[in-house]
N, C-alpha and C. Protein backbone atom coordinates (compact mmCIF):
# COMPACT_ATOMS: atom_id res chain seq x y z
N MET A 1 0.84 -1.19 0.00
CA MET A 1 0.00 0.00 0.00
C MET A 1 0.89 1.25 0.00
N THR A 2 0.50 2.25 -0.79
CA THR A 2 1.25 3.49 -0.87
C THR A 2 0.98 4.35 0.36
N LYS A 3 2.05 4.86 0.96
CA LYS A 3 1.91 5.74 2.12
C LYS A 3 1.72 7.17 1.62
N THR A 4 0.75 7.88 2.19
CA THR A 4 0.48 9.26 1.82
C THR A 4 0.73 10.18 3.01
N ALA A 5 0.97 11.44 2.72
CA ALA A 5 1.22 12.42 3.78
C ALA A 5 -0.05 12.75 4.57
N ILE A 6 -1.18 12.70 3.90
CA ILE A 6 -2.47 13.00 4.54
C ILE A 6 -3.22 11.70 4.73
N VAL A 7 -3.64 11.45 5.95
CA VAL A 7 -4.42 10.25 6.26
C VAL A 7 -5.73 10.70 6.87
N PRO A 8 -6.85 10.20 6.41
CA PRO A 8 -7.05 9.18 5.40
C PRO A 8 -6.83 9.75 4.00
N THR A 9 -6.80 8.89 3.00
CA THR A 9 -6.67 9.35 1.62
C THR A 9 -7.99 9.94 1.16
N ARG A 10 -7.95 10.65 0.06
CA ARG A 10 -9.16 11.26 -0.50
C ARG A 10 -10.19 10.19 -0.84
N ALA A 11 -9.73 9.06 -1.37
CA ALA A 11 -10.65 7.99 -1.75
C ALA A 11 -11.30 7.34 -0.52
N GLN A 12 -10.59 7.29 0.59
CA GLN A 12 -11.11 6.64 1.79
C GLN A 12 -12.19 7.47 2.49
N ASP A 13 -11.93 8.76 2.66
CA ASP A 13 -12.85 9.62 3.42
C ASP A 13 -12.64 11.06 2.97
N PHE A 14 -13.33 11.47 1.91
CA PHE A 14 -13.09 12.79 1.34
C PHE A 14 -13.26 13.94 2.35
N PRO A 15 -14.37 13.99 3.13
CA PRO A 15 -14.52 15.12 4.06
C PRO A 15 -13.36 15.23 5.07
N LYS A 16 -12.95 14.11 5.63
CA LYS A 16 -11.84 14.12 6.60
C LYS A 16 -10.54 14.50 5.90
N TRP A 17 -10.31 13.93 4.70
CA TRP A 17 -9.10 14.25 3.93
C TRP A 17 -9.03 15.76 3.66
N TYR A 18 -10.15 16.35 3.24
CA TYR A 18 -10.20 17.78 2.93
C TYR A 18 -9.82 18.62 4.15
N GLN A 19 -10.40 18.29 5.30
CA GLN A 19 -10.08 19.02 6.53
C GLN A 19 -8.60 18.91 6.87
N GLU A 20 -8.02 17.74 6.68
CA GLU A 20 -6.59 17.53 6.96
C GLU A 20 -5.71 18.32 6.01
N VAL A 21 -6.11 18.42 4.74
CA VAL A 21 -5.36 19.23 3.77
C VAL A 21 -5.38 20.70 4.18
N ILE A 22 -6.54 21.19 4.58
CA ILE A 22 -6.67 22.59 5.00
C ILE A 22 -5.75 22.86 6.20
N LYS A 23 -5.75 21.93 7.17
CA LYS A 23 -4.88 22.09 8.35
C LYS A 23 -3.41 22.04 7.97
N ALA A 24 -3.03 21.04 7.18
CA ALA A 24 -1.63 20.85 6.81
C ALA A 24 -1.09 22.03 6.02
N ALA A 25 -1.93 22.63 5.17
CA ALA A 25 -1.50 23.78 4.37
C ALA A 25 -1.63 25.10 5.13
N ASP A 26 -2.18 25.05 6.35
CA ASP A 26 -2.37 26.23 7.18
C ASP A 26 -3.19 27.30 6.46
N LEU A 27 -4.25 26.85 5.75
CA LEU A 27 -5.10 27.77 5.00
C LEU A 27 -6.20 28.38 5.86
N ALA A 28 -6.61 27.66 6.91
CA ALA A 28 -7.69 28.14 7.76
C ALA A 28 -7.57 27.47 9.12
N GLU A 29 -8.31 28.00 10.06
CA GLU A 29 -8.36 27.39 11.40
C GLU A 29 -9.79 27.40 11.88
N THR A 30 -10.08 26.56 12.84
CA THR A 30 -11.44 26.49 13.35
C THR A 30 -11.76 27.73 14.17
N SER A 31 -13.03 28.07 14.21
CA SER A 31 -13.51 29.22 14.94
C SER A 31 -14.18 28.74 16.22
N SER A 32 -14.41 29.65 17.14
CA SER A 32 -15.15 29.29 18.35
C SER A 32 -16.63 29.09 18.03
N VAL A 33 -17.06 29.53 16.85
CA VAL A 33 -18.43 29.35 16.41
C VAL A 33 -18.50 28.02 15.66
N ARG A 34 -19.33 27.10 16.14
CA ARG A 34 -19.43 25.77 15.55
C ARG A 34 -19.77 25.84 14.07
N GLY A 35 -19.00 25.12 13.26
CA GLY A 35 -19.24 25.05 11.83
C GLY A 35 -18.61 26.17 11.03
N CYS A 36 -17.91 27.08 11.69
CA CYS A 36 -17.28 28.20 10.99
C CYS A 36 -15.76 28.07 11.04
N MET A 37 -15.12 28.62 10.03
CA MET A 37 -13.65 28.61 9.98
C MET A 37 -13.16 30.02 9.73
N ILE A 38 -11.97 30.30 10.20
CA ILE A 38 -11.29 31.56 9.93
C ILE A 38 -10.32 31.28 8.80
N ILE A 39 -10.55 31.93 7.65
CA ILE A 39 -9.69 31.71 6.50
C ILE A 39 -8.50 32.65 6.59
N LYS A 40 -7.31 32.09 6.55
CA LYS A 40 -6.08 32.87 6.66
C LYS A 40 -5.75 33.53 5.32
N PRO A 41 -4.82 34.50 5.31
CA PRO A 41 -4.53 35.25 4.08
C PRO A 41 -4.23 34.37 2.85
N TRP A 42 -3.40 33.36 3.00
CA TRP A 42 -3.07 32.50 1.86
C TRP A 42 -4.32 31.75 1.39
N GLY A 43 -5.12 31.25 2.30
CA GLY A 43 -6.36 30.57 1.94
C GLY A 43 -7.34 31.51 1.27
N TYR A 44 -7.40 32.75 1.75
CA TYR A 44 -8.32 33.72 1.16
C TYR A 44 -7.87 34.11 -0.25
N ALA A 45 -6.57 34.21 -0.46
CA ALA A 45 -6.04 34.51 -1.79
C ALA A 45 -6.44 33.40 -2.78
N LEU A 46 -6.36 32.15 -2.33
CA LEU A 46 -6.80 31.04 -3.18
C LEU A 46 -8.29 31.15 -3.49
N TRP A 47 -9.10 31.46 -2.47
CA TRP A 47 -10.53 31.60 -2.66
C TRP A 47 -10.84 32.71 -3.66
N GLU A 48 -10.12 33.83 -3.58
CA GLU A 48 -10.36 34.93 -4.52
C GLU A 48 -10.08 34.51 -5.96
N GLN A 49 -9.03 33.72 -6.15
CA GLN A 49 -8.70 33.23 -7.49
C GLN A 49 -9.79 32.29 -8.01
N ILE A 50 -10.25 31.39 -7.16
CA ILE A 50 -11.32 30.46 -7.55
C ILE A 50 -12.58 31.25 -7.89
N GLN A 51 -12.90 32.21 -7.05
CA GLN A 51 -14.10 33.03 -7.24
C GLN A 51 -14.04 33.80 -8.56
N GLN A 52 -12.89 34.36 -8.89
CA GLN A 52 -12.74 35.10 -10.15
C GLN A 52 -12.95 34.19 -11.35
N GLN A 53 -12.37 33.00 -11.31
CA GLN A 53 -12.53 32.05 -12.41
C GLN A 53 -13.99 31.64 -12.58
N LEU A 54 -14.64 31.31 -11.46
CA LEU A 54 -16.04 30.91 -11.53
C LEU A 54 -16.93 32.06 -12.01
N ASP A 55 -16.65 33.26 -11.55
CA ASP A 55 -17.44 34.42 -11.95
C ASP A 55 -17.36 34.63 -13.46
N GLN A 56 -16.18 34.49 -14.03
CA GLN A 56 -16.02 34.64 -15.48
C GLN A 56 -16.84 33.58 -16.23
N LYS A 57 -16.79 32.35 -15.74
CA LYS A 57 -17.52 31.26 -16.40
C LYS A 57 -19.03 31.44 -16.29
N ILE A 58 -19.50 31.87 -15.11
CA ILE A 58 -20.93 32.10 -14.89
C ILE A 58 -21.44 33.20 -15.83
N LYS A 59 -20.72 34.30 -15.89
CA LYS A 59 -21.15 35.43 -16.71
C LYS A 59 -21.03 35.13 -18.20
N ALA A 60 -20.05 34.31 -18.59
CA ALA A 60 -19.91 33.92 -20.00
C ALA A 60 -21.11 33.10 -20.47
N LEU A 61 -21.79 32.44 -19.54
CA LEU A 61 -22.99 31.67 -19.88
C LEU A 61 -24.25 32.52 -19.85
N GLY A 62 -24.10 33.82 -19.53
CA GLY A 62 -25.24 34.73 -19.51
C GLY A 62 -26.00 34.75 -18.20
N HIS A 63 -25.44 34.18 -17.15
CA HIS A 63 -26.11 34.16 -15.85
C HIS A 63 -25.65 35.32 -14.98
N GLN A 64 -26.40 35.58 -13.93
CA GLN A 64 -26.06 36.61 -12.97
C GLN A 64 -25.80 35.98 -11.62
N ASN A 65 -24.98 36.62 -10.82
CA ASN A 65 -24.70 36.14 -9.46
C ASN A 65 -25.85 36.52 -8.53
N ILE A 66 -26.00 35.73 -7.47
CA ILE A 66 -26.91 36.08 -6.37
C ILE A 66 -26.14 35.89 -5.07
N TYR A 67 -26.66 36.43 -4.00
CA TYR A 67 -26.05 36.27 -2.69
C TYR A 67 -27.08 35.68 -1.75
N CYS A 68 -26.74 34.60 -1.10
CA CYS A 68 -27.62 33.97 -0.12
C CYS A 68 -26.97 34.08 1.25
N PRO A 69 -27.75 34.25 2.30
CA PRO A 69 -27.16 34.37 3.63
C PRO A 69 -26.40 33.11 4.02
N LEU A 70 -25.26 33.30 4.69
CA LEU A 70 -24.46 32.18 5.14
C LEU A 70 -24.94 31.64 6.48
N LEU A 71 -25.39 32.52 7.33
CA LEU A 71 -25.89 32.11 8.65
C LEU A 71 -27.36 32.48 8.74
N ILE A 72 -28.16 31.50 9.07
CA ILE A 72 -29.59 31.73 9.17
C ILE A 72 -29.97 31.71 10.65
N PRO A 73 -30.51 32.81 11.19
CA PRO A 73 -30.86 32.85 12.62
C PRO A 73 -32.01 31.90 12.94
N LEU A 74 -32.02 31.42 14.16
CA LEU A 74 -33.11 30.55 14.61
C LEU A 74 -34.39 31.33 14.82
């Protein structure tokens, strides 16, 4: 079996693997608010690049962006 730096592997448990990649790359950290993360500068820079690429593709198809609330109060 091939040894990987991140355990479990992506094929074994994608959600856990993803969280481990985020930690190992120091892209974000957990917040005191359950289910929320604090995105660090390097992680945010990556997000901005992803967002720009997606925005171009969405608009090229003739669609418009919308904004939905991230936190819904009880």
